[in-house]
Amino acid sequence: MARLSESAVRQIKDICDRYKKEKTPLMMILSDIQNEYGYIPLEVQEVVSQRTGISVAEIYGVVTFYSFFSLEPKGKYVIGCCLGTACYVKGAQIVIDRFSEILGIAPGQTTKDGLFTLDALRCIGACGIAPAVSINGKVYPKVDVEEVEDIIESYKKEASA
């Protein structure tokens, strides 16, 4: 999306216009754009700024502050490893390290083939099933480091089917 098409610009403006009557529309606008495109690059932030009058600096600050917004495209499968206290003490760090090792990426990165993004999350509210891993909304409970390779392989098979 480095260069926005006219239809993309129109769609972004339409999203902004949906929230004209809102007192503080930015989060709703950005959420809709993230859901539509999967990420919010600078070019999109500039269109939002022009349409709403909110500075690019403020928009950028919001996009970079909240972990559910992204400046870069995410992979087809977004692996979120919870590193909250309960998950951490139950071995979440070695689980995320294993994902990182197998995929060849660090947390916050996407594999070159665009298949996987690895994210370190602070807490996903699944403390009773720690350590927890979320992949595109599906939560894996009590993940053991030995399960990581099989989890990745199942998604690779799904992608090639």
Protein backbone atom coordinates (compact mmCIF):
# COMPACT_ATOMS: atom_id res chain seq x y z
CA MET A 1 0.00 0.00 0.00
CA ALA A 2 3.03 2.26 -0.38
CA ARG A 3 1.21 4.30 -3.01
CA LEU A 4 -2.50 4.65 -2.36
CA SER A 5 -4.93 4.14 -5.20
CA GLU A 6 -7.77 6.60 -5.71
CA SER A 7 -10.27 4.00 -4.53
CA ALA A 8 -8.24 3.39 -1.34
CA VAL A 9 -8.12 7.13 -0.62
CA ARG A 10 -11.89 7.33 -1.19
CA GLN A 11 -12.47 4.40 1.15
CA ILE A 12 -10.28 5.91 3.87
CA LYS A 13 -12.14 9.22 3.55
CA ASP A 14 -15.46 7.34 3.78
CA ILE A 15 -14.26 5.65 6.97
CA CYS A 16 -13.33 9.05 8.42
CA ASP A 17 -16.72 10.47 7.42
CA ARG A 18 -18.56 7.71 9.32
CA TYR A 19 -17.34 9.24 12.56
CA LYS A 20 -17.73 12.98 11.81
CA LYS A 21 -20.26 13.42 14.60
CA GLU A 22 -18.11 11.66 17.19
CA LYS A 23 -16.32 13.81 19.74
CA THR A 24 -13.17 11.66 19.65
CA PRO A 25 -13.27 9.59 16.44
CA LEU A 26 -9.61 8.61 16.00
CA MET A 27 -9.64 5.17 17.64
CA MET A 28 -12.76 4.13 15.71
CA ILE A 29 -11.32 5.39 12.42
CA LEU A 30 -8.00 3.64 12.95
CA SER A 31 -9.70 0.43 14.06
CA ASP A 32 -11.83 0.34 10.89
CA ILE A 33 -8.78 1.03 8.71
CA GLN A 34 -6.73 -1.65 10.50
CA ASN A 35 -9.58 -4.14 10.00
CA GLU A 36 -9.86 -3.24 6.31
CA TYR A 37 -6.19 -3.14 5.32
CA GLY A 38 -4.39 -5.02 8.09
CA TYR A 39 -2.06 -2.13 8.88
CA ILE A 40 -1.88 1.68 8.97
CA PRO A 41 1.12 3.04 7.04
CA LEU A 42 2.16 6.71 7.04
CA GLU A 43 0.39 7.38 3.71
CA VAL A 44 -2.92 6.36 5.27
CA GLN A 45 -2.23 8.44 8.38
CA GLU A 46 -1.72 11.47 6.15
CA VAL A 47 -5.11 10.97 4.48
CA VAL A 48 -6.77 10.61 7.89
CA SER A 49 -5.03 13.78 9.06
CA GLN A 50 -6.18 15.77 6.03
CA ARG A 51 -9.75 14.51 6.41
CA THR A 52 -10.09 14.96 10.18
CA GLY A 53 -7.72 17.82 11.00
CA ILE A 54 -5.93 15.61 13.55
CA SER A 55 -2.16 16.00 13.23
CA VAL A 56 -0.11 13.18 11.73
CA ALA A 57 2.02 13.27 14.89
CA GLU A 58 -1.01 12.54 17.08
CA ILE A 59 -2.22 9.78 14.74
CA TYR A 60 1.26 8.23 14.61
CA GLY A 61 1.44 8.38 18.41
CA VAL A 62 -1.80 6.43 18.74
CA VAL A 63 -0.82 3.87 16.07
CA THR A 64 2.54 3.20 17.71
CA PHE A 65 1.20 3.21 21.30
CA TYR A 66 -1.46 0.52 20.89
CA SER A 67 -0.14 -2.94 20.04
CA PHE A 68 -3.24 -3.89 18.04
CA PHE A 69 -2.37 -1.26 15.42
CA SER A 70 0.49 -1.92 13.03
CA LEU A 71 2.63 0.21 10.71
CA GLU A 72 3.64 -2.88 8.70
CA PRO A 73 1.60 -5.61 7.09
CA LYS A 74 1.12 -8.66 9.28
CA GLY A 75 1.49 -12.26 8.19
CA LYS A 76 -1.41 -14.51 7.28
CA TYR A 77 -1.07 -16.06 10.73
CA VAL A 78 -0.37 -13.75 13.65
CA ILE A 79 1.13 -15.66 16.56
CA GLY A 80 0.70 -13.83 19.84
CA CYS A 81 2.71 -15.25 22.73
CA CYS A 82 1.54 -13.96 26.07
CA LEU A 83 4.37 -12.81 28.30
CA GLY A 84 2.18 -11.58 31.14
CA THR A 85 3.23 -12.57 34.65
CA ALA A 86 1.29 -15.85 34.87
CA CYS A 87 2.41 -16.99 31.42
CA TYR A 88 5.98 -15.86 31.99
CA VAL A 89 6.42 -17.83 35.21
CA LYS A 90 4.99 -20.91 33.47
CA GLY A 91 7.62 -20.79 30.70
CA ALA A 92 6.25 -18.42 28.06
CA GLN A 93 9.70 -16.98 27.32
CA ILE A 94 11.06 -20.35 26.17
CA VAL A 95 7.89 -20.87 24.10
CA ILE A 96 8.28 -17.56 22.26
CA ASP A 97 12.01 -18.20 21.88
CA ARG A 98 11.19 -21.52 20.19
CA PHE A 99 8.70 -19.88 17.81
CA SER A 100 11.38 -17.30 17.02
CA GLU A 101 14.03 -19.97 16.42
CA ILE A 102 11.87 -22.10 14.12
CA LEU A 103 10.46 -19.17 12.14
CA GLY A 104 13.76 -17.28 11.96
CA ILE A 105 12.21 -14.01 13.13
CA ALA A 106 12.17 -11.94 16.29
CA PRO A 107 8.98 -10.80 18.01
CA GLY A 108 7.43 -7.97 16.01
CA GLN A 109 8.66 -9.37 12.70
CA THR A 110 7.01 -11.22 9.81
CA THR A 111 8.50 -14.14 7.88
CA LYS A 112 9.74 -13.32 4.37
CA ASP A 113 7.01 -15.49 2.85
CA GLY A 114 4.36 -13.39 4.64
CA LEU A 115 2.94 -16.43 6.38
CA PHE A 116 3.72 -15.71 10.05
CA THR A 117 4.04 -12.67 12.29
CA LEU A 118 5.34 -13.22 15.81
CA ASP A 119 4.12 -10.86 18.53
CA ALA A 120 5.01 -10.72 22.22
CA LEU A 121 1.88 -9.76 24.14
CA ARG A 122 1.73 -8.41 27.68
CA CYS A 123 -1.44 -10.21 28.80
CA ILE A 124 -4.26 -11.86 26.92
CA GLY A 125 -6.39 -12.56 30.00
CA ALA A 126 -5.82 -16.30 29.90
CA CYS A 127 -3.86 -16.64 33.13
CA GLY A 128 -5.59 -19.88 34.14
CA ILE A 129 -4.29 -21.64 31.03
CA ALA A 130 -0.76 -20.24 31.08
CA PRO A 131 1.36 -20.18 29.06
CA ALA A 132 -1.11 -19.17 26.37
CA VAL A 133 -0.54 -18.54 22.68
CA SER A 134 -3.07 -16.93 20.35
CA ILE A 135 -3.03 -17.46 16.57
CA ASN A 136 -5.56 -15.39 14.63
CA GLY A 137 -7.87 -15.42 17.64
CA LYS A 138 -7.57 -19.15 18.43
CA VAL A 139 -6.08 -19.60 21.90
CA TYR A 140 -3.75 -22.50 22.63
CA PRO A 141 -3.70 -23.34 26.36
CA LYS A 142 -0.75 -24.51 28.44
CA VAL A 143 1.62 -24.53 25.46
CA ASP A 144 4.69 -26.66 25.98
CA VAL A 145 7.86 -25.80 24.08
CA GLU A 146 7.71 -29.28 22.50
CA GLU A 147 4.36 -28.41 20.84
CA VAL A 148 5.60 -25.33 18.99
CA GLU A 149 6.95 -27.10 15.90
CA ASP A 150 3.71 -29.07 15.43
CA ILE A 151 1.64 -25.89 15.80
CA ILE A 152 3.68 -24.16 13.09
CA GLU A 153 3.52 -27.19 10.79
CA SER A 154 -0.28 -27.37 11.08
CA TYR A 155 -0.56 -23.78 9.83
CA LYS A 156 1.92 -24.40 7.03
CA LYS A 157 -0.19 -27.36 5.88
CA GLU A 158 -3.35 -25.27 6.08
CA ALA A 159 -1.73 -22.52 4.01
CA SER A 160 -0.62 -24.92 1.28
CA ALA A 161 -3.98 -26.72 1.09
